[in-house]
Structures are given as C-alpha cells and as structure tokens.
C-alpha cells in the first residue's frame, strides 16, 4: 500500500487509468469482432445467393468504425502503433479476400 501522499495519488490515478484503458480495449476488440461477424454474414450471403450489397455495406461500415478506433488506440499508446497498423492491414486483407 502507498504510504506517502504522492504515492496515494499515483495509486488513484493508476486505478482510473486502468479502468479507462480496460473499457477502451474492450470497445476496440468489439469493433474488430463486428468486422469479422459482418464478413461471415457477407460470406454466407454470397453462398446463399441472397442480397450481398447490404452485407457488403455492413462490412464497410464496420471496418470504417474499427479503423477509427484502432487508429485512436494506436495514437494514444493503448496498443502499439505497429500493432494498430498490422491489425488494420489484416482486416483489410480479409475484406479483399472475401470480395474476390
């Protein structure tokens, strides 16, 4: 346990930052999961021969949202900048492969 006043303050600040980071990381993972789910829905729509335009639009909207969150997390050092770039690149590659 912290003994000095400054150590107590740092402890409080660290707890607040931990909670903030946890929610932001969770939102980031959720947005990436939504892109993957939209890709699966698009793939099943292509297999069924049903309306692929709305499924593709859902994929693009999910990707734009995820890209924004990934960039923000990378710029705030919530995740490393290289991991942010790698994640975006892999998502974009999956989207390109699904469209082909």
PDB file of N, CA and C in Angstrom:
ATOM      1  N   UNK A   1       0.836  -1.183   0.000  1.00  0.00           N
ATOM      2  CA  UNK A   1       0.000   0.000   0.000  1.00  0.00           C
ATOM      3  C   UNK A   1       0.879   1.244   0.000  1.00  0.00           C
ATOM      4  N   UNK A   2       0.411   2.274  -0.683  1.00  0.00           N
ATOM      5  CA  UNK A   2       1.191   3.513  -0.715  1.00  0.00           C
ATOM      6  C   UNK A   2       1.167   4.214   0.645  1.00  0.00           C
ATOM      7  N   UNK A   3       2.293   4.786   0.999  1.00  0.00           N
ATOM      8  CA  UNK A   3       2.405   5.462   2.290  1.00  0.00           C
ATOM      9  C   UNK A   3       2.378   6.982   2.162  1.00  0.00           C
ATOM     10  N   UNK A   4       3.069   7.499   1.180  1.00  0.00           N
ATOM     11  CA  UNK A   4       3.122   8.955   1.046  1.00  0.00           C
ATOM     12  C   UNK A   4       1.906   9.469   0.275  1.00  0.00           C
ATOM     13  N   UNK A   5       1.676  10.760   0.392  1.00  0.00           N
ATOM     14  CA  UNK A   5       0.527  11.372  -0.284  1.00  0.00           C
ATOM     15  C   UNK A   5       0.660  11.261  -1.799  1.00  0.00           C
ATOM     16  N   UNK A   6       1.878  11.449  -2.291  1.00  0.00           N
ATOM     17  CA  UNK A   6       2.068  11.375  -3.746  1.00  0.00           C
ATOM     18  C   UNK A   6       1.876   9.949  -4.251  1.00  0.00           C
ATOM     19  N   UNK A   7       2.292   8.971  -3.450  1.00  0.00           N
ATOM     20  CA  UNK A   7       2.099   7.572  -3.841  1.00  0.00           C
ATOM     21  C   UNK A   7       0.618   7.210  -3.829  1.00  0.00           C
ATOM     22  N   UNK A   8      -0.118   7.753  -2.863  1.00  0.00           N
ATOM     23  CA  UNK A   8      -1.563   7.505  -2.816  1.00  0.00           C
ATOM     24  C   UNK A   8      -2.253   8.107  -4.035  1.00  0.00           C
ATOM     25  N   UNK A   9      -1.821   9.300  -4.406  1.00  0.00           N
ATOM     26  CA  UNK A   9      -2.406   9.951  -5.577  1.00  0.00           C
ATOM     27  C   UNK A   9      -2.093   9.155  -6.845  1.00  0.00           C
ATOM     28  N   UNK A  10      -0.858   8.698  -6.978  1.00  0.00           N
ATOM     29  CA  UNK A  10      -0.484   7.897  -8.147  1.00  0.00           C
ATOM     30  C   UNK A  10      -1.316   6.614  -8.197  1.00  0.00           C
ATOM     31  N   UNK A  11      -1.567   6.028  -7.037  1.00  0.00           N
ATOM     32  CA  UNK A  11      -2.379   4.811  -6.972  1.00  0.00           C
ATOM     33  C   UNK A  11      -3.792   5.092  -7.484  1.00  0.00           C
ATOM     34  N   UNK A  12      -4.374   6.211  -7.044  1.00  0.00           N
ATOM     35  CA  UNK A  12      -5.712   6.589  -7.524  1.00  0.00           C
ATOM     36  C   UNK A  12      -5.704   6.833  -9.031  1.00  0.00           C
ATOM     37  N   UNK A  13      -4.692   7.525  -9.508  1.00  0.00           N
ATOM     38  CA  UNK A  13      -4.606   7.823 -10.936  1.00  0.00           C
ATOM     39  C   UNK A  13      -4.438   6.546 -11.758  1.00  0.00           C
ATOM     40  N   UNK A  14      -3.618   5.627 -11.239  1.00  0.00           N
ATOM     41  CA  UNK A  14      -3.406   4.366 -11.948  1.00  0.00           C
ATOM     42  C   UNK A  14      -4.684   3.544 -12.018  1.00  0.00           C
ATOM     43  N   UNK A  15      -5.464   3.548 -10.939  1.00  0.00           N
ATOM     44  CA  UNK A  15      -6.728   2.814 -10.951  1.00  0.00           C
ATOM     45  C   UNK A  15      -7.692   3.401 -11.974  1.00  0.00           C
ATOM     46  N   UNK A  16      -7.771   4.719 -12.039  1.00  0.00           N
ATOM     47  CA  UNK A  16      -8.657   5.373 -13.006  1.00  0.00           C
ATOM     48  C   UNK A  16      -8.206   5.074 -14.434  1.00  0.00           C
ATOM     49  N   UNK A  17      -6.894   5.133 -14.662  1.00  0.00           N
ATOM     50  CA  UNK A  17      -6.367   4.854 -15.997  1.00  0.00           C
ATOM     51  C   UNK A  17      -6.600   3.401 -16.379  1.00  0.00           C
ATOM     52  N   UNK A  18      -6.467   2.488 -15.421  1.00  0.00           N
ATOM     53  CA  UNK A  18      -6.677   1.067 -15.688  1.00  0.00           C
ATOM     54  C   UNK A  18      -8.114   0.815 -16.138  1.00  0.00           C
ATOM     55  N   UNK A  19      -9.066   1.430 -15.448  1.00  0.00           N
ATOM     56  CA  UNK A  19     -10.467   1.270 -15.831  1.00  0.00           C
ATOM     57  C   UNK A  19     -10.737   1.876 -17.210  1.00  0.00           C
ATOM     58  N   UNK A  20     -10.170   3.045 -17.453  1.00  0.00           N
ATOM     59  CA  UNK A  20     -10.364   3.712 -18.740  1.00  0.00           C
ATOM     60  C   UNK A  20      -9.768   2.875 -19.869  1.00  0.00           C
ATOM     61  N   UNK A  21      -8.557   2.366 -19.657  1.00  0.00           N
ATOM     62  CA  UNK A  21      -7.902   1.549 -20.679  1.00  0.00           C
ATOM     63  C   UNK A  21      -8.672   0.262 -20.924  1.00  0.00           C
ATOM     64  N   UNK A  22      -9.199  -0.329 -19.862  1.00  0.00           N
ATOM     65  CA  UNK A  22      -9.930  -1.588 -19.997  1.00  0.00           C
ATOM     66  C   UNK A  22     -11.165  -1.409 -20.878  1.00  0.00           C
ATOM     67  N   UNK A  23     -11.907  -0.327 -20.662  1.00  0.00           N
ATOM     68  CA  UNK A  23     -13.111  -0.106 -21.465  1.00  0.00           C
ATOM     69  C   UNK A  23     -12.750   0.214 -22.916  1.00  0.00           C
ATOM     70  N   UNK A  24     -11.692   0.986 -23.117  1.00  0.00           N
ATOM     71  CA  UNK A  24     -11.296   1.320 -24.485  1.00  0.00           C
ATOM     72  C   UNK A  24     -10.790   0.092 -25.231  1.00  0.00           C
ATOM     73  N   UNK A  25     -10.028  -0.774 -24.540  1.00  0.00           N
ATOM     74  CA  UNK A  25      -9.563  -2.012 -25.170  1.00  0.00           C
ATOM     75  C   UNK A  25     -10.734  -2.919 -25.511  1.00  0.00           C
ATOM     76  N   UNK A  26     -11.718  -2.962 -24.614  1.00  0.00           N
ATOM     77  CA  UNK A  26     -12.906  -3.773 -24.860  1.00  0.00           C
ATOM     78  C   UNK A  26     -13.675  -3.255 -26.072  1.00  0.00           C
ATOM     79  N   UNK A  27     -13.841  -1.945 -26.174  1.00  0.00           N
ATOM     80  CA  UNK A  27     -14.512  -1.356 -27.337  1.00  0.00           C
ATOM     81  C   UNK A  27     -13.752  -1.666 -28.624  1.00  0.00           C
ATOM     82  N   UNK A  28     -12.433  -1.624 -28.548  1.00  0.00           N
ATOM     83  CA  UNK A  28     -11.602  -1.919 -29.708  1.00  0.00           C
ATOM     84  C   UNK A  28     -11.810  -3.357 -30.161  1.00  0.00           C
ATOM     85  N   UNK A  29     -11.746  -4.293 -29.222  1.00  0.00           N
ATOM     86  CA  UNK A  29     -11.942  -5.707 -29.560  1.00  0.00           C
ATOM     87  C   UNK A  29     -13.344  -5.956 -30.110  1.00  0.00           C
ATOM     88  N   UNK A  30     -14.328  -5.279 -29.537  1.00  0.00           N
ATOM     89  CA  UNK A  30     -15.704  -5.439 -30.004  1.00  0.00           C
ATOM     90  C   UNK A  30     -15.848  -4.954 -31.437  1.00  0.00           C
ATOM     91  N   UNK A  31     -15.235  -3.836 -31.768  1.00  0.00           N
ATOM     92  CA  UNK A  31     -15.348  -3.317 -33.132  1.00  0.00           C
ATOM     93  C   UNK A  31     -14.668  -4.249 -34.133  1.00  0.00           C
ATOM     94  N   UNK A  32     -13.545  -4.848 -33.743  1.00  0.00           N
ATOM     95  CA  UNK A  32     -12.866  -5.812 -34.615  1.00  0.00           C
ATOM     96  C   UNK A  32     -13.733  -7.055 -34.780  1.00  0.00           C
ATOM     97  N   UNK A  33     -14.361  -7.491 -33.697  1.00  0.00           N
ATOM     98  CA  UNK A  33     -15.251  -8.649 -33.761  1.00  0.00           C
ATOM     99  C   UNK A  33     -16.437  -8.372 -34.677  1.00  0.00           C
ATOM    100  N   UNK A  34     -16.938  -7.144 -34.657  1.00  0.00           N
ATOM    101  CA  UNK A  34     -18.072  -6.783 -35.527  1.00  0.00           C
ATOM    102  C   UNK A  34     -17.676  -6.847 -37.002  1.00  0.00           C
ATOM    103  N   UNK A  35     -16.447  -6.467 -37.316  1.00  0.00           N
ATOM    104  CA  UNK A  35     -15.983  -6.585 -38.700  1.00  0.00           C
ATOM    105  C   UNK A  35     -15.956  -8.053 -39.104  1.00  0.00           C
ATOM    106  N   UNK A  36     -15.421  -8.900 -38.231  1.00  0.00           N
ATOM    107  CA  UNK A  36     -15.350 -10.328 -38.540  1.00  0.00           C
ATOM    108  C   UNK A  36     -16.738 -10.938 -38.692  1.00  0.00           C
ATOM    109  N   UNK A  37     -17.672 -10.538 -37.833  1.00  0.00           N
ATOM    110  CA  UNK A  37     -19.036 -11.053 -37.938  1.00  0.00           C
ATOM    111  C   UNK A  37     -19.698 -10.579 -39.226  1.00  0.00           C
ATOM    112  N   UNK A  38     -19.449  -9.335 -39.609  1.00  0.00           N
ATOM    113  CA  UNK A  38     -20.011  -8.815 -40.855  1.00  0.00           C
ATOM    114  C   UNK A  38     -19.423  -9.548 -42.057  1.00  0.00           C
ATOM    115  N   UNK A  39     -18.136  -9.896 -41.971  1.00  0.00           N
ATOM    116  CA  UNK A  39     -17.513 -10.663 -43.048  1.00  0.00           C
ATOM    117  C   UNK A  39     -18.136 -12.050 -43.166  1.00  0.00           C
ATOM    118  N   UNK A  40     -18.406 -12.686 -42.025  1.00  0.00           N
ATOM    119  CA  UNK A  40     -19.046 -14.002 -42.056  1.00  0.00           C
ATOM    120  C   UNK A  40     -20.452 -13.904 -42.640  1.00  0.00           C
ATOM    121  N   UNK A  41     -21.178 -12.848 -42.287  1.00  0.00           N
ATOM    122  CA  UNK A  41     -22.524 -12.654 -42.833  1.00  0.00           C
ATOM    123  C   UNK A  41     -22.457 -12.421 -44.340  1.00  0.00           C
ATOM    124  N   UNK A  42     -21.448 -11.688 -44.783  1.00  0.00           N
ATOM    125  CA  UNK A  42     -21.281 -11.446 -46.216  1.00  0.00           C
ATOM    126  C   UNK A  42     -20.960 -12.748 -46.944  1.00  0.00           C
ATOM    127  N   UNK A  43     -20.086 -13.566 -46.354  1.00  0.00           N
ATOM    128  CA  UNK A  43     -19.729 -14.840 -46.979  1.00  0.00           C
ATOM    129  C   UNK A  43     -20.942 -15.762 -47.072  1.00  0.00           C
ATOM    130  N   UNK A  44     -21.752 -15.801 -46.027  1.00  0.00           N
ATOM    131  CA  UNK A  44     -22.938 -16.655 -46.070  1.00  0.00           C
ATOM    132  C   UNK A  44     -23.970 -16.102 -47.050  1.00  0.00           C
ATOM    133  N   UNK A  45     -24.047 -14.778 -47.193  1.00  0.00           N
ATOM    134  CA  UNK A  45     -24.963 -14.180 -48.164  1.00  0.00           C
ATOM    135  C   UNK A  45     -24.525 -14.516 -49.586  1.00  0.00           C
ATOM    136  N   UNK A  46     -23.225 -14.521 -49.810  1.00  0.00           N
ATOM    137  CA  UNK A  46     -22.719 -14.900 -51.141  1.00  0.00           C
ATOM    138  C   UNK A  46     -22.999 -16.358 -51.428  1.00  0.00           C
ATOM    139  N   UNK A  47     -22.860 -17.206 -50.411  1.00  0.00           N
ATOM    140  CA  UNK A  47     -23.106 -18.635 -50.603  1.00  0.00           C
ATOM    141  C   UNK A  47     -24.585 -18.908 -50.862  1.00  0.00           C
ATOM    142  N   UNK A  48     -25.453 -18.165 -50.187  1.00  0.00           N
ATOM    143  CA  UNK A  48     -26.893 -18.357 -50.353  1.00  0.00           C
ATOM    144  C   UNK A  48     -27.411 -17.711 -51.627  1.00  0.00           C
ATOM    145  N   UNK A  49     -26.670 -16.769 -52.167  1.00  0.00           N
ATOM    146  CA  UNK A  49     -27.134 -16.036 -53.331  1.00  0.00           C
ATOM    147  C   UNK A  49     -28.112 -14.934 -52.974  1.00  0.00           C
ATOM    148  N   UNK A  50     -28.166 -14.569 -51.706  1.00  0.00           N
ATOM    149  CA  UNK A  50     -29.074 -13.504 -51.277  1.00  0.00           C
ATOM    150  C   UNK A  50     -28.413 -12.139 -51.473  1.00  0.00           C
ATOM    151  N   UNK A  51     -29.021 -11.106 -50.923  1.00  0.00           N
ATOM    152  CA  UNK A  51     -28.583  -9.725 -51.138  1.00  0.00           C
ATOM    153  C   UNK A  51     -27.202  -9.493 -50.529  1.00  0.00           C
ATOM    154  N   UNK A  52     -26.209  -9.356 -51.402  1.00  0.00           N
ATOM    155  CA  UNK A  52     -24.845  -9.144 -50.925  1.00  0.00           C
ATOM    156  C   UNK A  52     -24.507  -7.666 -50.777  1.00  0.00           C
ATOM    157  N   UNK A  53     -25.291  -6.794 -51.413  1.00  0.00           N
ATOM    158  CA  UNK A  53     -24.987  -5.359 -51.346  1.00  0.00           C
ATOM    159  C   UNK A  53     -25.107  -4.825 -49.925  1.00  0.00           C
ATOM    160  N   UNK A  54     -26.173  -5.199 -49.235  1.00  0.00           N
ATOM    161  CA  UNK A  54     -26.340  -4.713 -47.861  1.00  0.00           C
ATOM    162  C   UNK A  54     -25.303  -5.338 -46.937  1.00  0.00           C
ATOM    163  N   UNK A  55     -24.963  -6.607 -47.200  1.00  0.00           N
ATOM    164  CA  UNK A  55     -23.946  -7.267 -46.377  1.00  0.00           C
ATOM    165  C   UNK A  55     -22.585  -6.614 -46.586  1.00  0.00           C
ATOM    166  N   UNK A  56     -22.282  -6.264 -47.830  1.00  0.00           N
ATOM    167  CA  UNK A  56     -21.008  -5.614 -48.128  1.00  0.00           C
ATOM    168  C   UNK A  56     -20.959  -4.215 -47.523  1.00  0.00           C
ATOM    169  N   UNK A  57     -22.080  -3.528 -47.554  1.00  0.00           N
ATOM    170  CA  UNK A  57     -22.149  -2.204 -46.934  1.00  0.00           C
ATOM    171  C   UNK A  57     -21.940  -2.303 -45.424  1.00  0.00           C
ATOM    172  N   UNK A  58     -22.492  -3.347 -44.817  1.00  0.00           N
ATOM    173  CA  UNK A  58     -22.300  -3.560 -43.380  1.00  0.00           C
ATOM    174  C   UNK A  58     -20.832  -3.823 -43.065  1.00  0.00           C
ATOM    175  N   UNK A  59     -20.165  -4.581 -43.932  1.00  0.00           N
ATOM    176  CA  UNK A  59     -18.732  -4.847 -43.744  1.00  0.00           C
ATOM    177  C   UNK A  59     -17.952  -3.540 -43.812  1.00  0.00           C
ATOM    178  N   UNK A  60     -18.242  -2.730 -44.816  1.00  0.00           N
ATOM    179  CA  UNK A  60     -17.509  -1.471 -44.977  1.00  0.00           C
ATOM    180  C   UNK A  60     -17.760  -0.518 -43.809  1.00  0.00           C
ATOM    181  N   UNK A  61     -19.002  -0.431 -43.356  1.00  0.00           N
ATOM    182  CA  UNK A  61     -19.307   0.439 -42.216  1.00  0.00           C
ATOM    183  C   UNK A  61     -18.603  -0.043 -40.952  1.00  0.00           C
ATOM    184  N   UNK A  62     -18.605  -1.352 -40.739  1.00  0.00           N
ATOM    185  CA  UNK A  62     -17.939  -1.909 -39.560  1.00  0.00           C
ATOM    186  C   UNK A  62     -16.437  -1.657 -39.631  1.00  0.00           C
ATOM    187  N   UNK A  63     -15.859  -1.782 -40.837  1.00  0.00           N
ATOM    188  CA  UNK A  63     -14.427  -1.570 -40.980  1.00  0.00           C
ATOM    189  C   UNK A  63     -14.053  -0.113 -40.721  1.00  0.00           C
ATOM    190  N   UNK A  64     -14.846   0.811 -41.233  1.00  0.00           N
ATOM    191  CA  UNK A  64     -14.552   2.237 -41.023  1.00  0.00           C
ATOM    192  C   UNK A  64     -14.578   2.565 -39.533  1.00  0.00           C
ATOM    193  N   UNK A  65     -15.576   2.026 -38.837  1.00  0.00           N
ATOM    194  CA  UNK A  65     -15.673   2.256 -37.399  1.00  0.00           C
ATOM    195  C   UNK A  65     -14.481   1.643 -36.662  1.00  0.00           C
ATOM    196  N   UNK A  66     -14.122   0.415 -37.036  1.00  0.00           N
ATOM    197  CA  UNK A  66     -12.995  -0.259 -36.390  1.00  0.00           C
ATOM    198  C   UNK A  66     -11.687   0.462 -36.688  1.00  0.00           C
ATOM    199  N   UNK A  67     -11.528   0.915 -37.917  1.00  0.00           N
ATOM    200  CA  UNK A  67     -10.302   1.611 -38.295  1.00  0.00           C
ATOM    201  C   UNK A  67     -10.109   2.868 -37.456  1.00  0.00           C
ATOM    202  N   UNK A  68     -11.187   3.587 -37.235  1.00  0.00           N
ATOM    203  CA  UNK A  68     -11.108   4.799 -36.421  1.00  0.00           C
ATOM    204  C   UNK A  68     -10.670   4.458 -34.998  1.00  0.00           C
ATOM    205  N   UNK A  69     -11.258   3.410 -34.424  1.00  0.00           N
ATOM    206  CA  UNK A  69     -10.907   3.030 -33.053  1.00  0.00           C
ATOM    207  C   UNK A  69      -9.482   2.496 -32.973  1.00  0.00           C
ATOM    208  N   UNK A  70      -9.060   1.748 -33.988  1.00  0.00           N
ATOM    209  CA  UNK A  70      -7.698   1.211 -34.000  1.00  0.00           C
ATOM    210  C   UNK A  70      -6.689   2.350 -34.079  1.00  0.00           C
ATOM    211  N   UNK A  71      -6.936   3.309 -34.968  1.00  0.00           N
ATOM    212  CA  UNK A  71      -6.023   4.448 -35.098  1.00  0.00           C
ATOM    213  C   UNK A  71      -5.939   5.245 -33.802  1.00  0.00           C
ATOM    214  N   UNK A  72      -7.084   5.454 -33.178  1.00  0.00           N
ATOM    215  CA  UNK A  72      -7.100   6.222 -31.935  1.00  0.00           C
ATOM    216  C   UNK A  72      -6.346   5.474 -30.832  1.00  0.00           C
ATOM    217  N   UNK A  73      -6.550   4.160 -30.751  1.00  0.00           N
ATOM    218  CA  UNK A  73      -5.850   3.367 -29.741  1.00  0.00           C
ATOM    219  C   UNK A  73      -4.349   3.375 -29.992  1.00  0.00           C
ATOM    220  N   UNK A  74      -3.943   3.333 -31.254  1.00  0.00           N
ATOM    221  CA  UNK A  74      -2.521   3.373 -31.585  1.00  0.00           C
ATOM    222  C   UNK A  74      -1.899   4.714 -31.269  1.00  0.00           C
ATOM    223  N   UNK A  75      -2.634   5.787 -31.513  1.00  0.00           N
ATOM    224  CA  UNK A  75      -2.069   7.111 -31.260  1.00  0.00           C
ATOM    225  C   UNK A  75      -1.984   7.414 -29.772  1.00  0.00           C
ATOM    226  N   UNK A  76      -2.858   6.804 -28.970  1.00  0.00           N
ATOM    227  CA  UNK A  76      -2.838   7.038 -27.529  1.00  0.00           C
ATOM    228  C   UNK A  76      -2.013   6.001 -26.772  1.00  0.00           C
ATOM    229  N   UNK A  77      -1.306   5.141 -27.513  1.00  0.00           N
ATOM    230  CA  UNK A  77      -0.469   4.081 -26.941  1.00  0.00           C
ATOM    231  C   UNK A  77      -1.267   3.087 -26.109  1.00  0.00           C
ATOM    232  N   UNK A  78      -2.535   2.941 -26.429  1.00  0.00           N
ATOM    233  CA  UNK A  78      -3.321   1.884 -25.808  1.00  0.00           C
ATOM    234  C   UNK A  78      -2.845   0.547 -26.361  1.00  0.00           C
ATOM    235  N   UNK A  79      -2.533   0.548 -27.653  1.00  0.00           N
ATOM    236  CA  UNK A  79      -1.829  -0.555 -28.302  1.00  0.00           C
ATOM    237  C   UNK A  79      -0.661   0.069 -29.052  1.00  0.00           C
ATOM    238  N   UNK A  80       0.309  -0.740 -29.406  1.00  0.00           N
ATOM    239  CA  UNK A  80       1.472  -0.227 -30.117  1.00  0.00           C
ATOM    240  C   UNK A  80       1.066   0.208 -31.522  1.00  0.00           C
ATOM    241  N   UNK A  81       1.746   1.232 -32.034  1.00  0.00           N
ATOM    242  CA  UNK A  81       1.437   1.736 -33.376  1.00  0.00           C
ATOM    243  C   UNK A  81       1.567   0.653 -34.431  1.00  0.00           C
ATOM    244  N   UNK A  82       2.582  -0.194 -34.307  1.00  0.00           N
ATOM    245  CA  UNK A  82       2.773  -1.258 -35.292  1.00  0.00           C
ATOM    246  C   UNK A  82       1.655  -2.289 -35.208  1.00  0.00           C
ATOM    247  N   UNK A  83       1.174  -2.559 -34.000  1.00  0.00           N
ATOM    248  CA  UNK A  83       0.061  -3.494 -33.867  1.00  0.00           C
ATOM    249  C   UNK A  83      -1.195  -2.912 -34.497  1.00  0.00           C
ATOM    250  N   UNK A  84      -1.385  -1.616 -34.348  1.00  0.00           N
ATOM    251  CA  UNK A  84      -2.536  -0.961 -34.969  1.00  0.00           C
ATOM    252  C   UNK A  84      -2.462  -1.100 -36.486  1.00  0.00           C
ATOM    253  N   UNK A  85      -1.300  -0.852 -37.049  1.00  0.00           N
ATOM    254  CA  UNK A  85      -1.125  -0.967 -38.498  1.00  0.00           C
ATOM    255  C   UNK A  85      -1.323  -2.407 -38.953  1.00  0.00           C
ATOM    256  N   UNK A  86      -0.781  -3.340 -38.205  1.00  0.00           N
ATOM    257  CA  UNK A  86      -0.898  -4.761 -38.554  1.00  0.00           C
ATOM    258  C   UNK A  86      -2.348  -5.222 -38.502  1.00  0.00           C
ATOM    259  N   UNK A  87      -3.078  -4.782 -37.482  1.00  0.00           N
ATOM    260  CA  UNK A  87      -4.482  -5.171 -37.335  1.00  0.00           C
ATOM    261  C   UNK A  87      -5.310  -4.629 -38.487  1.00  0.00           C
ATOM    262  N   UNK A  88      -5.108  -3.361 -38.827  1.00  0.00           N
ATOM    263  CA  UNK A  88      -5.845  -2.769 -39.947  1.00  0.00           C
ATOM    264  C   UNK A  88      -5.509  -3.483 -41.247  1.00  0.00           C
ATOM    265  N   UNK A  89      -4.242  -3.800 -41.439  1.00  0.00           N
ATOM    266  CA  UNK A  89      -3.817  -4.473 -42.655  1.00  0.00           C
ATOM    267  C   UNK A  89      -4.450  -5.852 -42.775  1.00  0.00           C
ATOM    268  N   UNK A  90      -4.489  -6.581 -41.681  1.00  0.00           N
ATOM    269  CA  UNK A  90      -5.078  -7.924 -41.710  1.00  0.00           C
ATOM    270  C   UNK A  90      -6.580  -7.873 -41.949  1.00  0.00           C
ATOM    271  N   UNK A  91      -7.254  -6.907 -41.339  1.00  0.00           N
ATOM    272  CA  UNK A  91      -8.689  -6.764 -41.584  1.00  0.00           C
ATOM    273  C   UNK A  91      -8.942  -6.420 -43.049  1.00  0.00           C
ATOM    274  N   UNK A  92      -8.152  -5.498 -43.581  1.00  0.00           N
ATOM    275  CA  UNK A  92      -8.327  -5.098 -44.976  1.00  0.00           C
ATOM    276  C   UNK A  92      -8.052  -6.271 -45.906  1.00  0.00           C
ATOM    277  N   UNK A  93      -7.069  -7.096 -45.586  1.00  0.00           N
ATOM    278  CA  UNK A  93      -6.766  -8.266 -46.412  1.00  0.00           C
ATOM    279  C   UNK A  93      -7.923  -9.263 -46.383  1.00  0.00           C
ATOM    280  N   UNK A  94      -8.533  -9.441 -45.207  1.00  0.00           N
ATOM    281  CA  UNK A  94      -9.682 -10.353 -45.118  1.00  0.00           C
ATOM    282  C   UNK A  94     -10.852  -9.831 -45.934  1.00  0.00           C
ATOM    283  N   UNK A  95     -11.058  -8.518 -45.914  1.00  0.00           N
ATOM    284  CA  UNK A  95     -12.150  -7.925 -46.687  1.00  0.00           C
ATOM    285  C   UNK A  95     -11.882  -8.105 -48.179  1.00  0.00           C
ATOM    286  N   UNK A  96     -10.654  -7.864 -48.591  1.00  0.00           N
ATOM    287  CA  UNK A  96     -10.300  -8.003 -50.001  1.00  0.00           C
ATOM    288  C   UNK A  96     -10.463  -9.450 -50.459  1.00  0.00           C
ATOM    289  N   UNK A  97     -10.063 -10.388 -49.613  1.00  0.00           N
ATOM    290  CA  UNK A  97     -10.189 -11.805 -49.953  1.00  0.00           C
ATOM    291  C   UNK A  97     -11.658 -12.212 -50.044  1.00  0.00           C
ATOM    292  N   UNK A  98     -12.491 -11.674 -49.161  1.00  0.00           N
ATOM    293  CA  UNK A  98     -13.913 -12.021 -49.172  1.00  0.00           C
ATOM    294  C   UNK A  98     -14.602 -11.470 -50.419  1.00  0.00           C
ATOM    295  N   UNK A  99     -14.165 -10.306 -50.894  1.00  0.00           N
ATOM    296  CA  UNK A  99     -14.779  -9.712 -52.082  1.00  0.00           C
ATOM    297  C   UNK A  99     -14.396 -10.454 -53.351  1.00  0.00           C
ATOM    298  N   UNK A 100     -13.243 -11.099 -53.354  1.00  0.00           N
ATOM    299  CA  UNK A 100     -12.752 -11.775 -54.566  1.00  0.00           C
ATOM    300  C   UNK A 100     -13.525 -13.029 -54.894  1.00  0.00           C
TER     301      UNK A 100
END
